[in-house]
PDB file of N, CA and C in Angstrom:
ATOM      1  N   MET A   1       0.826  -1.190   0.000  1.00  0.00           N
ATOM      2  CA  MET A   1       0.000   0.000   0.000  1.00  0.00           C
ATOM      3  C   MET A   1       0.870   1.254   0.000  1.00  0.00           C
ATOM      4  N   LYS A   2       1.983   1.187   0.784  1.00  0.00           N
ATOM      5  CA  LYS A   2       2.877   2.340   0.822  1.00  0.00           C
ATOM      6  C   LYS A   2       3.459   2.615  -0.559  1.00  0.00           C
ATOM      7  N   ARG A   3       3.842   1.562  -1.247  1.00  0.00           N
ATOM      8  CA  ARG A   3       4.429   1.727  -2.579  1.00  0.00           C
ATOM      9  C   ARG A   3       3.420   2.366  -3.538  1.00  0.00           C
ATOM     10  N   PHE A   4       2.176   1.953  -3.455  1.00  0.00           N
ATOM     11  CA  PHE A   4       1.149   2.518  -4.304  1.00  0.00           C
ATOM     12  C   PHE A   4       0.977   4.008  -4.026  1.00  0.00           C
ATOM     13  N   LEU A   5       0.922   4.378  -2.759  1.00  0.00           N
ATOM     14  CA  LEU A   5       0.765   5.786  -2.398  1.00  0.00           C
ATOM     15  C   LEU A   5       1.976   6.616  -2.839  1.00  0.00           C
ATOM     16  N   ILE A   6       3.168   6.078  -2.687  1.00  0.00           N
ATOM     17  CA  ILE A   6       4.378   6.787  -3.111  1.00  0.00           C
ATOM     18  C   ILE A   6       4.367   6.962  -4.633  1.00  0.00           C
ATOM     19  N   ALA A   7       4.004   5.917  -5.335  1.00  0.00           N
ATOM     20  CA  ALA A   7       3.941   5.999  -6.801  1.00  0.00           C
ATOM     21  C   ALA A   7       2.881   7.000  -7.252  1.00  0.00           C
ATOM     22  N   ALA A   8       1.725   6.987  -6.583  1.00  0.00           N
ATOM     23  CA  ALA A   8       0.657   7.929  -6.927  1.00  0.00           C
ATOM     24  C   ALA A   8       1.081   9.358  -6.644  1.00  0.00           C
ATOM     25  N   MET A   9       1.740   9.597  -5.546  1.00  0.00           N
ATOM     26  CA  MET A   9       2.219  10.951  -5.203  1.00  0.00           C
ATOM     27  C   MET A   9       3.272  11.411  -6.208  1.00  0.00           C
ATOM     28  N   ALA A  10       4.174  10.529  -6.589  1.00  0.00           N
ATOM     29  CA  ALA A  10       5.203  10.879  -7.568  1.00  0.00           C
ATOM     30  C   ALA A  10       4.555  11.233  -8.901  1.00  0.00           C
ATOM     31  N   PHE A  11       3.561  10.473  -9.314  1.00  0.00           N
ATOM     32  CA  PHE A  11       2.848  10.751 -10.564  1.00  0.00           C
ATOM     33  C   PHE A  11       2.167  12.110 -10.515  1.00  0.00           C
ATOM     34  N   LEU A  12       1.468  12.368  -9.417  1.00  0.00           N
ATOM     35  CA  LEU A  12       0.768  13.648  -9.279  1.00  0.00           C
ATOM     36  C   LEU A  12       1.738  14.818  -9.260  1.00  0.00           C
ATOM     37  N   CYS A  13       2.873  14.655  -8.603  1.00  0.00           N
ATOM     38  CA  CYS A  13       3.877  15.725  -8.568  1.00  0.00           C
ATOM     39  C   CYS A  13       4.421  15.995  -9.967  1.00  0.00           C
ATOM     40  N   CYS A  14       4.713  14.942 -10.708  1.00  0.00           N
ATOM     41  CA  CYS A  14       5.250  15.100 -12.070  1.00  0.00           C
ATOM     42  C   CYS A  14       4.246  15.760 -12.993  1.00  0.00           C
ATOM     43  N   THR A  15       2.987  15.332 -12.932  1.00  0.00           N
ATOM     44  CA  THR A  15       1.985  15.939 -13.810  1.00  0.00           C
ATOM     45  C   THR A  15       1.723  17.379 -13.408  1.00  0.00           C
ATOM     46  N   GLY A  16       1.793  17.661 -12.120  1.00  0.00           N
ATOM     47  CA  GLY A  16       1.623  19.041 -11.656  1.00  0.00           C
ATOM     48  C   GLY A  16       2.722  19.943 -12.175  1.00  0.00           C
ATOM     49  N   ILE A  17       3.932  19.441 -12.199  1.00  0.00           N
ATOM     50  CA  ILE A  17       5.058  20.223 -12.713  1.00  0.00           C
ATOM     51  C   ILE A  17       4.881  20.472 -14.205  1.00  0.00           C
ATOM     52  N   CYS A  18       4.453  19.465 -14.944  1.00  0.00           N
ATOM     53  CA  CYS A  18       4.256  19.616 -16.388  1.00  0.00           C
ATOM     54  C   CYS A  18       3.186  20.655 -16.687  1.00  0.00           C
ATOM     55  N   PHE A  19       2.073  20.618 -15.963  1.00  0.00           N
ATOM     56  CA  PHE A  19       0.999  21.575 -16.200  1.00  0.00           C
ATOM     57  C   PHE A  19       1.354  22.960 -15.683  1.00  0.00           C
ATOM     58  N   ALA A  20       2.180  23.031 -14.662  1.00  0.00           N
ATOM     59  CA  ALA A  20       2.558  24.318 -14.093  1.00  0.00           C
ATOM     60  C   ALA A  20       3.506  25.092 -14.999  1.00  0.00           C
ATOM     61  N   SER A  21       4.157  24.412 -15.940  1.00  0.00           N
ATOM     62  CA  SER A  21       5.081  25.114 -16.820  1.00  0.00           C
ATOM     63  C   SER A  21       4.343  26.101 -17.712  1.00  0.00           C
ATOM     64  N   GLY A  22       3.049  25.883 -17.951  1.00  0.00           N
ATOM     65  CA  GLY A  22       2.242  26.830 -18.704  1.00  0.00           C
ATOM     66  C   GLY A  22       2.497  26.810 -20.204  1.00  0.00           C
ATOM     67  N   LYS A  23       3.262  25.881 -20.687  1.00  0.00           N
ATOM     68  CA  LYS A  23       3.554  25.830 -22.113  1.00  0.00           C
ATOM     69  C   LYS A  23       2.410  25.139 -22.840  1.00  0.00           C
ATOM     70  N   ALA A  24       1.892  25.823 -23.819  1.00  0.00           N
ATOM     71  CA  ALA A  24       0.841  25.243 -24.633  1.00  0.00           C
ATOM     72  C   ALA A  24       1.477  24.321 -25.663  1.00  0.00           C
ATOM     73  N   PRO A  25       0.786  23.303 -26.050  1.00  0.00           N
ATOM     74  CA  PRO A  25       1.343  22.434 -27.082  1.00  0.00           C
ATOM     75  C   PRO A  25       1.494  23.205 -28.394  1.00  0.00           C
ATOM     76  N   LYS A  26       2.560  22.903 -29.124  1.00  0.00           N
ATOM     77  CA  LYS A  26       2.821  23.599 -30.375  1.00  0.00           C
ATOM     78  C   LYS A  26       1.859  23.131 -31.456  1.00  0.00           C
ATOM     79  N   ALA A  27       1.465  24.078 -32.291  1.00  0.00           N
ATOM     80  CA  ALA A  27       0.624  23.735 -33.434  1.00  0.00           C
ATOM     81  C   ALA A  27       1.469  22.988 -34.459  1.00  0.00           C
ATOM     82  N   PRO A  28       0.858  22.129 -35.221  1.00  0.00           N
ATOM     83  CA  PRO A  28       1.643  21.415 -36.225  1.00  0.00           C
ATOM     84  C   PRO A  28       2.244  22.390 -37.232  1.00  0.00           C
ATOM     85  N   LYS A  29       3.468  22.110 -37.627  1.00  0.00           N
ATOM     86  CA  LYS A  29       4.182  22.988 -38.545  1.00  0.00           C
ATOM     87  C   LYS A  29       3.557  22.913 -39.941  1.00  0.00           C
ATOM     88  N   GLN A  30       3.334  24.084 -40.526  1.00  0.00           N
ATOM     89  CA  GLN A  30       2.805  24.146 -41.884  1.00  0.00           C
ATOM     90  C   GLN A  30       3.948  23.983 -42.871  1.00  0.00           C
ATOM     91  N   PRO A  31       3.719  23.278 -43.971  1.00  0.00           N
ATOM     92  CA  PRO A  31       4.779  23.163 -44.973  1.00  0.00           C
ATOM     93  C   PRO A  31       5.029  24.511 -45.647  1.00  0.00           C
ATOM     94  N   ASP A  32       6.275  24.725 -46.058  1.00  0.00           N
ATOM     95  CA  ASP A  32       6.614  25.963 -46.747  1.00  0.00           C
ATOM     96  C   ASP A  32       5.873  26.033 -48.071  1.00  0.00           C
ATOM     97  N   ARG A  33       5.753  27.248 -48.592  1.00  0.00           N
ATOM     98  CA  ARG A  33       5.121  27.477 -49.883  1.00  0.00           C
ATOM     99  C   ARG A  33       6.102  28.175 -50.804  1.00  0.00           C
ATOM    100  N   GLU A  34       5.875  28.018 -52.096  1.00  0.00           N
ATOM    101  CA  GLU A  34       6.691  28.681 -53.104  1.00  0.00           C
ATOM    102  C   GLU A  34       5.764  29.475 -54.014  1.00  0.00           C
ATOM    103  N   VAL A  35       6.077  30.745 -54.193  1.00  0.00           N
ATOM    104  CA  VAL A  35       5.300  31.590 -55.089  1.00  0.00           C
ATOM    105  C   VAL A  35       6.249  32.176 -56.131  1.00  0.00           C
ATOM    106  N   VAL A  36       5.755  32.282 -57.369  1.00  0.00           N
ATOM    107  CA  VAL A  36       6.532  32.878 -58.450  1.00  0.00           C
ATOM    108  C   VAL A  36       5.740  34.065 -58.980  1.00  0.00           C
ATOM    109  N   TYR A  37       6.424  35.204 -59.070  1.00  0.00           N
ATOM    110  CA  TYR A  37       5.806  36.431 -59.572  1.00  0.00           C
ATOM    111  C   TYR A  37       6.403  36.801 -60.916  1.00  0.00           C
ATOM    112  N   GLN A  38       5.551  37.292 -61.817  1.00  0.00           N
ATOM    113  CA  GLN A  38       6.012  37.915 -63.048  1.00  0.00           C
ATOM    114  C   GLN A  38       6.132  39.403 -62.739  1.00  0.00           C
ATOM    115  N   THR A  39       7.277  39.984 -63.013  1.00  0.00           N
ATOM    116  CA  THR A  39       7.509  41.393 -62.690  1.00  0.00           C
ATOM    117  C   THR A  39       7.961  42.161 -63.926  1.00  0.00           C
ATOM    118  N   ASN A  40       8.154  43.454 -63.745  1.00  0.00           N
ATOM    119  CA  ASN A  40       8.654  44.291 -64.830  1.00  0.00           C
ATOM    120  C   ASN A  40      10.110  44.709 -64.594  1.00  0.00           C
ATOM    121  N   LEU A  41      10.857  43.935 -63.816  1.00  0.00           N
ATOM    122  CA  LEU A  41      12.274  44.251 -63.628  1.00  0.00           C
ATOM    123  C   LEU A  41      12.998  44.033 -64.943  1.00  0.00           C
ATOM    124  N   HIS A  42      14.064  44.796 -65.176  1.00  0.00           N
ATOM    125  CA  HIS A  42      14.714  44.699 -66.480  1.00  0.00           C
ATOM    126  C   HIS A  42      16.236  44.647 -66.436  1.00  0.00           C
ATOM    127  N   CYS A  43      16.837  44.754 -65.242  1.00  0.00           N
ATOM    128  CA  CYS A  43      18.303  44.728 -65.185  1.00  0.00           C
ATOM    129  C   CYS A  43      18.770  44.155 -63.843  1.00  0.00           C
ATOM    130  N   LYS A  44      20.074  43.983 -63.722  1.00  0.00           N
ATOM    131  CA  LYS A  44      20.640  43.433 -62.483  1.00  0.00           C
ATOM    132  C   LYS A  44      20.459  44.395 -61.311  1.00  0.00           C
ATOM    133  N   SER A  45      20.393  45.665 -61.593  1.00  0.00           N
ATOM    134  CA  SER A  45      20.173  46.650 -60.525  1.00  0.00           C
ATOM    135  C   SER A  45      18.773  46.478 -59.926  1.00  0.00           C
ATOM    136  N   CYS A  46      17.801  46.233 -60.790  1.00  0.00           N
ATOM    137  CA  CYS A  46      16.433  45.973 -60.315  1.00  0.00           C
ATOM    138  C   CYS A  46      16.412  44.701 -59.457  1.00  0.00           C
ATOM    139  N   ALA A  47      17.102  43.671 -59.956  1.00  0.00           N
ATOM    140  CA  ALA A  47      17.157  42.403 -59.219  1.00  0.00           C
ATOM    141  C   ALA A  47      17.807  42.594 -57.855  1.00  0.00           C
ATOM    142  N   ALA A  48      18.869  43.394 -57.811  1.00  0.00           N
ATOM    143  CA  ALA A  48      19.554  43.632 -56.538  1.00  0.00           C
ATOM    144  C   ALA A  48      18.648  44.380 -55.561  1.00  0.00           C
ATOM    145  N   LYS A  49      17.865  45.334 -56.081  1.00  0.00           N
ATOM    146  CA  LYS A  49      16.944  46.087 -55.226  1.00  0.00           C
ATOM    147  C   LYS A  49      15.894  45.161 -54.609  1.00  0.00           C
ATOM    148  N   ILE A  50      15.351  44.264 -55.430  1.00  0.00           N
ATOM    149  CA  ILE A  50      14.360  43.312 -54.927  1.00  0.00           C
ATOM    150  C   ILE A  50      15.015  42.347 -53.944  1.00  0.00           C
ATOM    151  N   GLN A  51      16.179  41.828 -54.297  1.00  0.00           N
ATOM    152  CA  GLN A  51      16.912  40.892 -53.434  1.00  0.00           C
ATOM    153  C   GLN A  51      17.192  41.510 -52.068  1.00  0.00           C
ATOM    154  N   ASP A  52      17.675  42.738 -52.067  1.00  0.00           N
ATOM    155  CA  ASP A  52      18.058  43.397 -50.821  1.00  0.00           C
ATOM    156  C   ASP A  52      16.874  43.688 -49.909  1.00  0.00           C
ATOM    157  N   ASN A  53      15.700  43.843 -50.482  1.00  0.00           N
ATOM    158  CA  ASN A  53      14.539  44.200 -49.668  1.00  0.00           C
ATOM    159  C   ASN A  53      13.627  43.017 -49.344  1.00  0.00           C
ATOM    160  N   ILE A  54      13.337  42.186 -50.311  1.00  0.00           N
ATOM    161  CA  ILE A  54      12.388  41.096 -50.096  1.00  0.00           C
ATOM    162  C   ILE A  54      12.998  39.963 -49.266  1.00  0.00           C
ATOM    163  N   ALA A  55      14.296  39.775 -49.368  1.00  0.00           N
ATOM    164  CA  ALA A  55      14.957  38.710 -48.604  1.00  0.00           C
ATOM    165  C   ALA A  55      14.764  38.882 -47.094  1.00  0.00           C
ATOM    166  N   PHE A  56      14.515  40.106 -46.651  1.00  0.00           N
ATOM    167  CA  PHE A  56      14.370  40.363 -45.221  1.00  0.00           C
ATOM    168  C   PHE A  56      12.922  40.538 -44.782  1.00  0.00           C
ATOM    169  N   GLU A  57      11.994  40.256 -45.669  1.00  0.00           N
ATOM    170  CA  GLU A  57      10.583  40.265 -45.274  1.00  0.00           C
ATOM    171  C   GLU A  57      10.344  39.098 -44.321  1.00  0.00           C
ATOM    172  N   LYS A  58       9.474  39.306 -43.374  1.00  0.00           N
ATOM    173  CA  LYS A  58       9.165  38.271 -42.390  1.00  0.00           C
ATOM    174  C   LYS A  58       8.652  37.006 -43.085  1.00  0.00           C
ATOM    175  N   GLY A  59       9.238  35.855 -42.761  1.00  0.00           N
ATOM    176  CA  GLY A  59       8.798  34.575 -43.281  1.00  0.00           C
ATOM    177  C   GLY A  59       9.501  34.110 -44.544  1.00  0.00           C
ATOM    178  N   VAL A  60      10.289  34.977 -45.191  1.00  0.00           N
ATOM    179  CA  VAL A  60      10.969  34.588 -46.430  1.00  0.00           C
ATOM    180  C   VAL A  60      12.142  33.680 -46.095  1.00  0.00           C
ATOM    181  N   LYS A  61      12.185  32.522 -46.771  1.00  0.00           N
ATOM    182  CA  LYS A  61      13.255  31.555 -46.531  1.00  0.00           C
ATOM    183  C   LYS A  61      14.233  31.481 -47.694  1.00  0.00           C
ATOM    184  N   ASP A  62      13.757  31.702 -48.908  1.00  0.00           N
ATOM    185  CA  ASP A  62      14.627  31.640 -50.085  1.00  0.00           C
ATOM    186  C   ASP A  62      14.060  32.570 -51.143  1.00  0.00           C
ATOM    187  N   LEU A  63      14.957  33.132 -51.940  1.00  0.00           N
ATOM    188  CA  LEU A  63      14.565  34.099 -52.964  1.00  0.00           C
ATOM    189  C   LEU A  63      15.460  33.907 -54.171  1.00  0.00           C
ATOM    190  N   GLU A  64      14.846  33.786 -55.348  1.00  0.00           N
ATOM    191  CA  GLU A  64      15.609  33.624 -56.582  1.00  0.00           C
ATOM    192  C   GLU A  64      15.003  34.544 -57.640  1.00  0.00           C
ATOM    193  N   ILE A  65      15.851  35.336 -58.270  1.00  0.00           N
ATOM    194  CA  ILE A  65      15.386  36.291 -59.270  1.00  0.00           C
ATOM    195  C   ILE A  65      16.008  35.944 -60.620  1.00  0.00           C
ATOM    196  N   GLN A  66      15.167  35.845 -61.639  1.00  0.00           N
ATOM    197  CA  GLN A  66      15.612  35.586 -63.007  1.00  0.00           C
ATOM    198  C   GLN A  66      15.341  36.849 -63.828  1.00  0.00           C
ATOM    199  N   VAL A  67      16.402  37.596 -64.141  1.00  0.00           N
ATOM    200  CA  VAL A  67      16.244  38.843 -64.889  1.00  0.00           C
ATOM    201  C   VAL A  67      15.742  38.557 -66.299  1.00  0.00           C
ATOM    202  N   ASP A  68      16.295  37.537 -66.964  1.00  0.00           N
ATOM    203  CA  ASP A  68      15.893  37.229 -68.343  1.00  0.00           C
ATOM    204  C   ASP A  68      14.404  36.895 -68.456  1.00  0.00           C
ATOM    205  N   GLU A  69      13.878  36.137 -67.492  1.00  0.00           N
ATOM    206  CA  GLU A  69      12.465  35.756 -67.520  1.00  0.00           C
ATOM    207  C   GLU A  69      11.577  36.761 -66.779  1.00  0.00           C
ATOM    208  N   LYS A  70      12.209  37.692 -66.080  1.00  0.00           N
ATOM    209  CA  LYS A  70      11.498  38.710 -65.290  1.00  0.00           C
ATOM    210  C   LYS A  70      10.607  38.066 -64.233  1.00  0.00           C
ATOM    211  N   THR A  71      11.187  37.092 -63.518  1.00  0.00           N
ATOM    212  CA  THR A  71      10.445  36.403 -62.470  1.00  0.00           C
ATOM    213  C   THR A  71      11.168  36.499 -61.130  1.00  0.00           C
ATOM    214  N   VAL A  72      10.373  36.434 -60.086  1.00  0.00           N
ATOM    215  CA  VAL A  72      10.884  36.393 -58.716  1.00  0.00           C
ATOM    216  C   VAL A  72      10.242  35.179 -58.057  1.00  0.00           C
ATOM    217  N   ARG A  73      11.076  34.243 -57.578  1.00  0.00           N
ATOM    218  CA  ARG A  73      10.596  33.036 -56.892  1.00  0.00           C
ATOM    219  C   ARG A  73      10.910  33.182 -55.409  1.00  0.00           C
ATOM    220  N   VAL A  74       9.897  33.017 -54.581  1.00  0.00           N
ATOM    221  CA  VAL A  74      10.062  33.172 -53.137  1.00  0.00           C
ATOM    222  C   VAL A  74       9.547  31.929 -52.433  1.00  0.00           C
ATOM    223  N   VAL A  75      10.362  31.364 -51.552  1.00  0.00           N
ATOM    224  CA  VAL A  75       9.928  30.285 -50.661  1.00  0.00           C
ATOM    225  C   VAL A  75       9.687  30.947 -49.306  1.00  0.00           C
ATOM    226  N   TYR A  76       8.510  30.715 -48.741  1.00  0.00           N
ATOM    227  CA  TYR A  76       8.160  31.404 -47.501  1.00  0.00           C
ATOM    228  C   TYR A  76       7.416  30.497 -46.531  1.00  0.00           C
ATOM    229  N   ASN A  77       7.390  30.927 -45.281  1.00  0.00           N
ATOM    230  CA  ASN A  77       6.680  30.235 -44.213  1.00  0.00           C
ATOM    231  C   ASN A  77       5.262  30.814 -44.156  1.00  0.00           C
ATOM    232  N   PRO A  78       4.230  30.031 -44.488  1.00  0.00           N
ATOM    233  CA  PRO A  78       2.873  30.562 -44.525  1.00  0.00           C
ATOM    234  C   PRO A  78       2.315  30.951 -43.151  1.00  0.00           C
ATOM    235  N   ALA A  79       2.972  30.549 -42.086  1.00  0.00           N
ATOM    236  CA  ALA A  79       2.535  30.968 -40.750  1.00  0.00           C
ATOM    237  C   ALA A  79       2.951  32.411 -40.470  1.00  0.00           C
ATOM    238  N   LYS A  80       3.898  32.939 -41.252  1.00  0.00           N
ATOM    239  CA  LYS A  80       4.420  34.283 -41.001  1.00  0.00           C
ATOM    240  C   LYS A  80       4.056  35.305 -42.071  1.00  0.00           C
ATOM    241  N   THR A  81       3.738  34.853 -43.271  1.00  0.00           N
ATOM    242  CA  THR A  81       3.382  35.779 -44.350  1.00  0.00           C
ATOM    243  C   THR A  81       2.560  35.033 -45.390  1.00  0.00           C
ATOM    244  N   ASP A  82       2.150  35.736 -46.425  1.00  0.00           N
ATOM    245  CA  ASP A  82       1.431  35.087 -47.528  1.00  0.00           C
ATOM    246  C   ASP A  82       1.828  35.732 -48.846  1.00  0.00           C
ATOM    247  N   SER A  83       1.371  35.149 -49.937  1.00  0.00           N
ATOM    248  CA  SER A  83       1.780  35.607 -51.262  1.00  0.00           C
ATOM    249  C   SER A  83       1.305  37.023 -51.559  1.00  0.00           C
ATOM    250  N   GLN A  84       0.167  37.424 -51.010  1.00  0.00           N
ATOM    251  CA  GLN A  84      -0.344  38.781 -51.248  1.00  0.00           C
ATOM    252  C   GLN A  84       0.522  39.834 -50.547  1.00  0.00           C
ATOM    253  N   LYS A  85       0.966  39.548 -49.342  1.00  0.00           N
ATOM    254  CA  LYS A  85       1.835  40.478 -48.621  1.00  0.00           C
ATOM    255  C   LYS A  85       3.180  40.620 -49.324  1.00  0.00           C
ATOM    256  N   LEU A  86       3.699  39.502 -49.833  1.00  0.00           N
ATOM    257  CA  LEU A  86       4.966  39.557 -50.548  1.00  0.00           C
ATOM    258  C   LEU A  86       4.816  40.325 -51.859  1.00  0.00           C
ATOM    259  N   ALA A  87       3.696  40.127 -52.550  1.00  0.00           N
ATOM    260  CA  ALA A  87       3.438  40.875 -53.782  1.00  0.00           C
ATOM    261  C   ALA A  87       3.364  42.371 -53.483  1.00  0.00           C
ATOM    262  N   GLU A  88       2.717  42.715 -52.399  1.00  0.00           N
ATOM    263  CA  GLU A  88       2.618  44.131 -52.009  1.00  0.00           C
ATOM    264  C   GLU A  88       3.999  44.713 -51.700  1.00  0.00           C
ATOM    265  N   ALA A  89       4.860  43.927 -51.082  1.00  0.00           N
ATOM    266  CA  ALA A  89       6.217  44.389 -50.781  1.00  0.00           C
ATOM    267  C   ALA A  89       7.000  44.649 -52.072  1.00  0.00           C
ATOM    268  N   ILE A  90       6.790  43.800 -53.080  1.00  0.00           N
ATOM    269  CA  ILE A  90       7.449  44.018 -54.371  1.00  0.00           C
ATOM    270  C   ILE A  90       6.883  45.266 -55.035  1.00  0.00           C
ATOM    271  N   ARG A  91       5.570  45.445 -54.973  1.00  0.00           N
ATOM    272  CA  ARG A  91       4.944  46.642 -55.557  1.00  0.00           C
ATOM    273  C   ARG A  91       5.417  47.914 -54.861  1.00  0.00           C
ATOM    274  N   ASP A  92       5.633  47.832 -53.560  1.00  0.00           N
ATOM    275  CA  ASP A  92       6.128  48.998 -52.819  1.00  0.00           C
ATOM    276  C   ASP A  92       7.508  49.447 -53.304  1.00  0.00           C
ATOM    277  N   LEU A  93       8.250  48.524 -53.923  1.00  0.00           N
ATOM    278  CA  LEU A  93       9.561  48.870 -54.477  1.00  0.00           C
ATOM    279  C   LEU A  93       9.445  49.479 -55.878  1.00  0.00           C
ATOM    280  N   GLY A  94       8.234  49.499 -56.429  1.00  0.00           N
ATOM    281  CA  GLY A  94       8.015  50.101 -57.730  1.00  0.00           C
ATOM    282  C   GLY A  94       7.922  49.121 -58.884  1.00  0.00           C
ATOM    283  N   TYR A  95       7.735  47.847 -58.600  1.00  0.00           N
ATOM    284  CA  TYR A  95       7.651  46.819 -59.638  1.00  0.00           C
ATOM    285  C   TYR A  95       6.272  46.171 -59.623  1.00  0.00           C
ATOM    286  N   THR A  96       5.892  45.585 -60.749  1.00  0.00           N
ATOM    287  CA  THR A  96       4.658  44.818 -60.789  1.00  0.00           C
ATOM    288  C   THR A  96       4.926  43.465 -60.131  1.00  0.00           C
ATOM    289  N   ALA A  97       3.871  42.800 -59.706  1.00  0.00           N
ATOM    290  CA  ALA A  97       4.017  41.481 -59.075  1.00  0.00           C
ATOM    291  C   ALA A  97       2.756  40.679 -59.325  1.00  0.00           C
ATOM    292  N   GLU A  98       2.720  39.976 -60.451  1.00  0.00           N
ATOM    293  CA  GLU A  98       1.588  39.139 -60.804  1.00  0.00           C
ATOM    294  C   GLU A  98       1.940  37.677 -60.467  1.00  0.00           C
ATOM    295  N   ILE A  99       1.117  37.046 -59.655  1.00  0.00           N
ATOM    296  CA  ILE A  99       1.369  35.664 -59.252  1.00  0.00           C
ATOM    297  C   ILE A  99       1.120  34.744 -60.442  1.00  0.00           C
ATOM    298  N   ILE A 100       2.147  33.972 -60.812  1.00  0.00           N
ATOM    299  CA  ILE A 100       1.967  32.994 -61.884  1.00  0.00           C
ATOM    300  C   ILE A 100       1.980  31.563 -61.338  1.00  0.00           C
ATOM    301  N   SER A 101       2.422  31.394 -60.099  1.00  0.00           N
ATOM    302  CA  SER A 101       2.426  30.079 -59.471  1.00  0.00           C
ATOM    303  C   SER A 101       2.493  30.263 -57.962  1.00  0.00           C
ATOM    304  N   ASP A 102       1.711  29.471 -57.248  1.00  0.00           N
ATOM    305  CA  ASP A 102       1.730  29.488 -55.775  1.00  0.00           C
ATOM    306  C   ASP A 102       1.411  28.075 -55.322  1.00  0.00           C
ATOM    307  N   LYS A 103       2.408  27.378 -54.778  1.00  0.00           N
ATOM    308  CA  LYS A 103       2.217  25.978 -54.421  1.00  0.00           C
ATOM    309  C   LYS A 103       2.884  25.634 -53.102  1.00  0.00           C
ATOM    310  N   GLU A 104       2.391  24.542 -52.513  1.00  0.00           N
ATOM    311  CA  GLU A 104       2.957  24.017 -51.274  1.00  0.00           C
ATOM    312  C   GLU A 104       4.178  23.158 -51.623  1.00  0.00           C
ATOM    313  N   LEU A 105       5.212  23.264 -50.817  1.00  0.00           N
ATOM    314  CA  LEU A 105       6.402  22.442 -51.042  1.00  0.00           C
ATOM    315  C   LEU A 105       6.332  21.158 -50.244  1.00  0.00           C
TER     316      LEU A 105
END
């Protein structure tokens, strides 16, 4: 009987400590997304301007700019941003940003 009571007390103490930490369980991680924009950039200077600014937008994980095709490919965390916010950030730099592809990775 003593062993049962000791085991029960140890269990209650451990569960109390776990609940007292106040940490909520983490939400399941969302898969990254990739969006490709058609833009009106026309030179390496334009590409550098987009690279220097969009790379530091919240949630951006990877950025690739193709000057010849006039495209900007962005891999981002959908929990932190979305394709519309990224398009707006590109437009704020003075370029067009038409989504031609938006997919889950």
